[in-house]
C-alpha atoms as a PDB file:
ATOM      1  CA  GLN A   1     178.802  72.174  47.561  1.00  0.00           C
ATOM      2  CA  ASN A   2     176.360  73.419  44.921  1.00  0.00           C
ATOM      3  CA  GLN A   3     174.961  76.267  47.008  1.00  0.00           C
ATOM      4  CA  GLY A   4     173.827  79.182  44.859  1.00  0.00           C
ATOM      5  CA  LYS A   5     174.587  77.301  41.621  1.00  0.00           C
ATOM      6  CA  GLU A   6     172.026  75.302  39.731  1.00  0.00           C
ATOM      7  CA  MET A   7     173.030  72.149  37.893  1.00  0.00           C
ATOM      8  CA  VAL A   8     172.372  72.357  34.158  1.00  0.00           C
ATOM      9  CA  VAL A   9     170.624  69.209  33.024  1.00  0.00           C
ATOM     10  CA  ARG A  10     171.729  68.230  29.531  1.00  0.00           C
ATOM     11  CA  ARG A  11     169.333  65.342  29.040  1.00  0.00           C
ATOM     12  CA  VAL A  12     168.299  64.577  25.501  1.00  0.00           C
ATOM     13  CA  THR A  13     166.380  61.762  23.871  1.00  0.00           C
ATOM     14  CA  TYR A  14     167.536  59.605  21.005  1.00  0.00           C
ATOM     15  CA  ARG A  15     166.002  60.418  17.611  1.00  0.00           C
ATOM     16  CA  ARG A  16     166.273  56.885  16.244  1.00  0.00           C
ATOM     17  CA  LYS A  17     164.872  53.554  17.380  1.00  0.00           C
ATOM     18  CA  ASN A  18     168.053  52.198  18.929  1.00  0.00           C
ATOM     19  CA  THR A  19     168.023  53.265  22.589  1.00  0.00           C
ATOM     20  CA  TYR A  20     171.126  51.427  23.760  1.00  0.00           C
ATOM     21  CA  ARG A  21     174.563  52.956  24.214  1.00  0.00           C
ATOM     22  CA  THR A  22     176.328  50.850  21.607  1.00  0.00           C
ATOM     23  CA  ALA A  23     179.333  51.515  19.369  1.00  0.00           C
ATOM     24  CA  GLY A  24     177.058  52.276  16.421  1.00  0.00           C
ATOM     25  CA  ASN A  25     174.845  54.655  18.412  1.00  0.00           C
ATOM     26  CA  LYS A  26     177.338  57.362  19.423  1.00  0.00           C
ATOM     27  CA  THR A  27     175.852  60.822  19.788  1.00  0.00           C
ATOM     28  CA  LYS A  28     176.860  64.415  20.366  1.00  0.00           C
ATOM     29  CA  VAL A  29     174.691  66.946  22.182  1.00  0.00           C
ATOM     30  CA  VAL A  30     174.309  70.173  20.201  1.00  0.00           C
ATOM     31  CA  LYS A  31     172.466  73.384  21.000  1.00  0.00           C
ATOM     32  CA  THR A  32     170.341  74.643  18.105  1.00  0.00           C
ATOM     33  CA  PRO A  33     169.946  78.344  17.237  1.00  0.00           C
ATOM     34  CA  GLY A  34     166.544  78.203  18.972  1.00  0.00           C
ATOM     35  CA  GLY A  35     168.230  77.272  22.253  1.00  0.00           C
ATOM     36  CA  LYS A  36     167.028  73.668  22.216  1.00  0.00           C
ATOM     37  CA  LEU A  37     169.384  70.746  22.918  1.00  0.00           C
ATOM     38  CA  THR A  38     169.313  68.027  20.272  1.00  0.00           C
ATOM     39  CA  VAL A  39     171.303  64.932  19.371  1.00  0.00           C
ATOM     40  CA  GLN A  40     173.617  64.558  16.365  1.00  0.00           C
ATOM     41  CA  TYR A  41     174.656  61.026  15.472  1.00  0.00           C
ATOM     42  CA  ARG A  42     178.335  60.335  14.963  1.00  0.00           C
ATOM     43  CA  THR A  43     179.514  57.998  12.233  1.00  0.00           C
ATOM     44  CA  LYS A  44     182.005  55.253  12.942  1.00  0.00           C
ATOM     45  CA  HIS A  45     185.505  56.009  11.735  1.00  0.00           C
ATOM     46  CA  SER A  46     187.304  53.553   9.469  1.00  0.00           C
ATOM     47  CA  PHE A  47     190.714  52.070  10.098  1.00  0.00           C
ATOM     48  CA  GLY A  48     191.208  51.511   6.365  1.00  0.00           C
ATOM     49  CA  PRO A  49     192.595  48.473   4.605  1.00  0.00           C
ATOM     50  CA  HIS A  50     195.649  46.751   6.034  1.00  0.00           C
ATOM     51  CA  CYS A  51     198.147  44.293   4.549  1.00  0.00           C
ATOM     52  CA  ALA A  52     197.056  40.676   5.007  1.00  0.00           C
ATOM     53  CA  ASP A  53     200.632  39.503   5.717  1.00  0.00           C
ATOM     54  CA  THR A  54     202.249  42.310   7.712  1.00  0.00           C
ATOM     55  CA  GLY A  55     199.237  44.241   9.058  1.00  0.00           C
ATOM     56  CA  VAL A  56     200.607  47.584   7.824  1.00  0.00           C
ATOM     57  CA  PRO A  57     198.042  50.156   6.544  1.00  0.00           C
ATOM     58  CA  LEU A  58     197.981  50.213   2.739  1.00  0.00           C
ATOM     59  CA  ASN A  59     199.121  53.382   1.013  1.00  0.00           C
ATOM     60  CA  GLY A  60     197.045  54.973  -1.738  1.00  0.00           C
ATOM     61  CA  ILE A  61     193.692  53.592  -0.591  1.00  0.00           C
ATOM     62  CA  PRO A  62     191.172  55.804   1.256  1.00  0.00           C
ATOM     63  CA  HIS A  63     189.955  54.948   4.749  1.00  0.00           C
ATOM     64  CA  LEU A  64     186.217  54.543   4.265  1.00  0.00           C
ATOM     65  CA  ARG A  65     183.392  52.523   5.767  1.00  0.00           C
ATOM     66  CA  PRO A  66     182.362  49.491   3.692  1.00  0.00           C
ATOM     67  CA  CYS A  67     179.162  51.085   2.369  1.00  0.00           C
ATOM     68  CA  GLN A  68     181.086  54.153   1.174  1.00  0.00           C
ATOM     69  CA  PHE A  69     183.964  52.039  -0.115  1.00  0.00           C
ATOM     70  CA  LYS A  70     181.615  50.203  -2.496  1.00  0.00           C
ATOM     71  CA  LEU A  71     180.477  53.473  -4.056  1.00  0.00           C
ATOM     72  CA  ILE A  72     183.900  54.766  -5.143  1.00  0.00           C
ATOM     73  CA  SER A  73     185.404  53.762  -8.487  1.00  0.00           C
ATOM     74  CA  LYS A  74     187.577  50.659  -8.735  1.00  0.00           C
ATOM     75  CA  ASN A  75     190.789  52.539  -9.553  1.00  0.00           C
ATOM     76  CA  LYS A  76     190.470  54.320  -6.175  1.00  0.00           C
ATOM     77  CA  ARG A  77     189.897  51.041  -4.330  1.00  0.00           C
ATOM     78  CA  THR A  78     193.055  49.303  -5.525  1.00  0.00           C
ATOM     79  CA  VAL A  79     196.685  49.883  -6.464  1.00  0.00           C
ATOM     80  CA  ALA A  80     197.899  48.969  -9.963  1.00  0.00           C
ATOM     81  CA  ARG A  81     200.125  45.967  -9.222  1.00  0.00           C
ATOM     82  CA  PRO A  82     199.670  42.285  -8.338  1.00  0.00           C
ATOM     83  CA  TYR A  83     197.870  41.929  -4.999  1.00  0.00           C
ATOM     84  CA  GLY A  84     197.158  45.693  -5.095  1.00  0.00           C
ATOM     85  CA  GLY A  85     194.728  46.621  -2.337  1.00  0.00           C
ATOM     86  CA  MET A  86     195.459  43.395  -0.440  1.00  0.00           C
ATOM     87  CA  LEU A  87     199.184  43.290   0.265  1.00  0.00           C
ATOM     88  CA  SER A  88     201.774  45.990   0.877  1.00  0.00           C
ATOM     89  CA  TYR A  89     204.758  46.397  -1.448  1.00  0.00           C
ATOM     90  CA  PRO A  90     207.297  44.662   0.867  1.00  0.00           C
ATOM     91  CA  ALA A  91     204.979  41.649   1.232  1.00  0.00           C
ATOM     92  CA  VAL A  92     204.546  41.344  -2.562  1.00  0.00           C
ATOM     93  CA  ARG A  93     208.289  41.715  -3.084  1.00  0.00           C
ATOM     94  CA  SER A  94     209.088  38.986  -0.549  1.00  0.00           C
ATOM     95  CA  ARG A  95     206.570  36.651  -2.238  1.00  0.00           C
ATOM     96  CA  ILE A  96     208.159  37.238  -5.637  1.00  0.00           C
ATOM     97  CA  VAL A  97     211.677  36.669  -4.270  1.00  0.00           C
ATOM     98  CA  ARG A  98     210.536  33.519  -2.453  1.00  0.00           C
ATOM     99  CA  ALA A  99     208.922  32.129  -5.618  1.00  0.00           C
ATOM    100  CA  PHE A 100     212.095  32.853  -7.602  1.00  0.00           C
ATOM    101  CA  LEU A 101     214.287  31.124  -5.021  1.00  0.00           C
ATOM    102  CA  VAL A 102     211.991  28.085  -4.946  1.00  0.00           C
ATOM    103  CA  GLU A 103     212.246  27.786  -8.740  1.00  0.00           C
ATOM    104  CA  GLU A 104     216.036  28.119  -8.568  1.00  0.00           C
ATOM    105  CA  LEU A 105     216.141  25.411  -5.906  1.00  0.00           C
ATOM    106  CA  LYS A 106     214.133  23.077  -8.156  1.00  0.00           C
ATOM    107  CA  VAL A 107     216.599  23.643 -11.007  1.00  0.00           C
ATOM    108  CA  ILE A 108     219.583  22.966  -8.729  1.00  0.00           C
ATOM    109  CA  LYS A 109     217.977  19.764  -7.373  1.00  0.00           C
ATOM    110  CA  ALA A 110     217.299  18.579 -10.918  1.00  0.00           C
ATOM    111  CA  MET A 111     220.934  19.227 -11.867  1.00  0.00           C
ATOM    112  CA  MET A 112     222.177  17.378  -8.774  1.00  0.00           C
ATOM    113  CA  ALA A 113     219.913  14.408  -9.520  1.00  0.00           C
ATOM    114  CA  LYS A 114     221.162  14.344 -13.118  1.00  0.00           C
ATOM    115  CA  GLY A 115     224.770  14.366 -11.886  1.00  0.00           C
ATOM    116  CA  LYS A 116     224.107  11.488  -9.498  1.00  0.00           C
ATOM    117  CA  GLU A 117     222.493   9.430 -12.281  1.00  0.00           C
ATOM    118  CA  GLN A 118     225.541   9.937 -14.476  1.00  0.00           C
ATOM    119  CA  LYS A 119     227.841   8.849 -11.648  1.00  0.00           C
ATOM    120  CA  LYS A 120     225.700   5.757 -11.000  1.00  0.00           C
ATOM    121  CA  LYS A 121     225.827   4.810 -14.667  1.00  0.00           C
ATOM    122  CA  SER A 122     229.620   5.069 -14.742  1.00  0.00           C
ATOM    123  CA  LYS A 123     230.194   3.237 -11.439  1.00  0.00           C
ATOM    124  CA  PRO A 124     228.588  -0.135 -12.329  1.00  0.00           C
ATOM    125  CA  LYS A 125     230.969  -0.451 -15.287  1.00  0.00           C
ATOM    126  CA  LYS A 126     233.907  -0.116 -12.928  1.00  0.00           C
ATOM    127  CA  LYS A 127     232.409  -2.663 -10.581  1.00  0.00           C
ATOM    128  CA  ALA A 128     231.779  -5.079 -13.429  1.00  0.00           C
ATOM    129  CA  ALA A 129     235.360  -4.692 -14.583  1.00  0.00           C
ATOM    130  CA  ALA A 130     236.609  -5.287 -11.056  1.00  0.00           C
ATOM    131  CA  THR A 131     234.509  -8.426 -10.648  1.00  0.00           C
ATOM    132  CA  LYS A 132     235.806  -9.764 -13.976  1.00  0.00           C
ATOM    133  CA  LYS A 133     239.383  -9.291 -12.788  1.00  0.00           C
ATOM    134  CA  LYS A 134     238.608 -11.149  -9.564  1.00  0.00           C
ATOM    135  CA  GLU A 135     237.026 -14.002 -11.504  1.00  0.00           C
ATOM    136  CA  GLN A 136     240.073 -14.237 -13.726  1.00  0.00           C
ATOM    137  CA  LYS A 137     242.386 -14.339 -10.705  1.00  0.00           C
ATOM    138  CA  SER A 138     240.307 -17.040  -9.052  1.00  0.00           C
ATOM    139  CA  LYS A 139     240.348 -19.111 -12.294  1.00  0.00           C
ATOM    140  CA  LYS A 140     244.151 -18.807 -12.472  1.00  0.00           C
ATOM    141  CA  GLN A 141     244.471 -19.954  -8.875  1.00  0.00           C
ATOM    142  CA  ILE A 142     242.213 -22.947  -9.558  1.00  0.00           C
ATOM    143  CA  GLU A 143     244.229 -23.899 -12.625  1.00  0.00           C
ATOM    144  CA  GLN A 144     247.495 -23.823 -10.672  1.00  0.00           C
END
């Protein structure tokens, strides 16, 4: 099949110590101006920060590798709001709404408990009055 055509061998050697074909050792073969084939090392790409609750990529924060991320200023690493740089806006909003509803529920339960206590306080008086009437009736019957 390869009659009259020679196969071009594009073999190159690694320039660093790591000689295994791992995810961190990706290379690209490049021809230099002198005609020599050499290796250029590729950097890993970053997926960027994602929301801890929903898994959605966070807006306003650059996609950088951890070592590069440490070097940029703090105002570029975060967003100016609670949980900025950790949670997306919908996740923060749902947490705030949930906290508000929980507090409202506590208030309603307290009001219900207060109402029940007031009813309990008023009911024993009625029962006591009823028992007194029964006692009086039974005394009348005994007397007759």
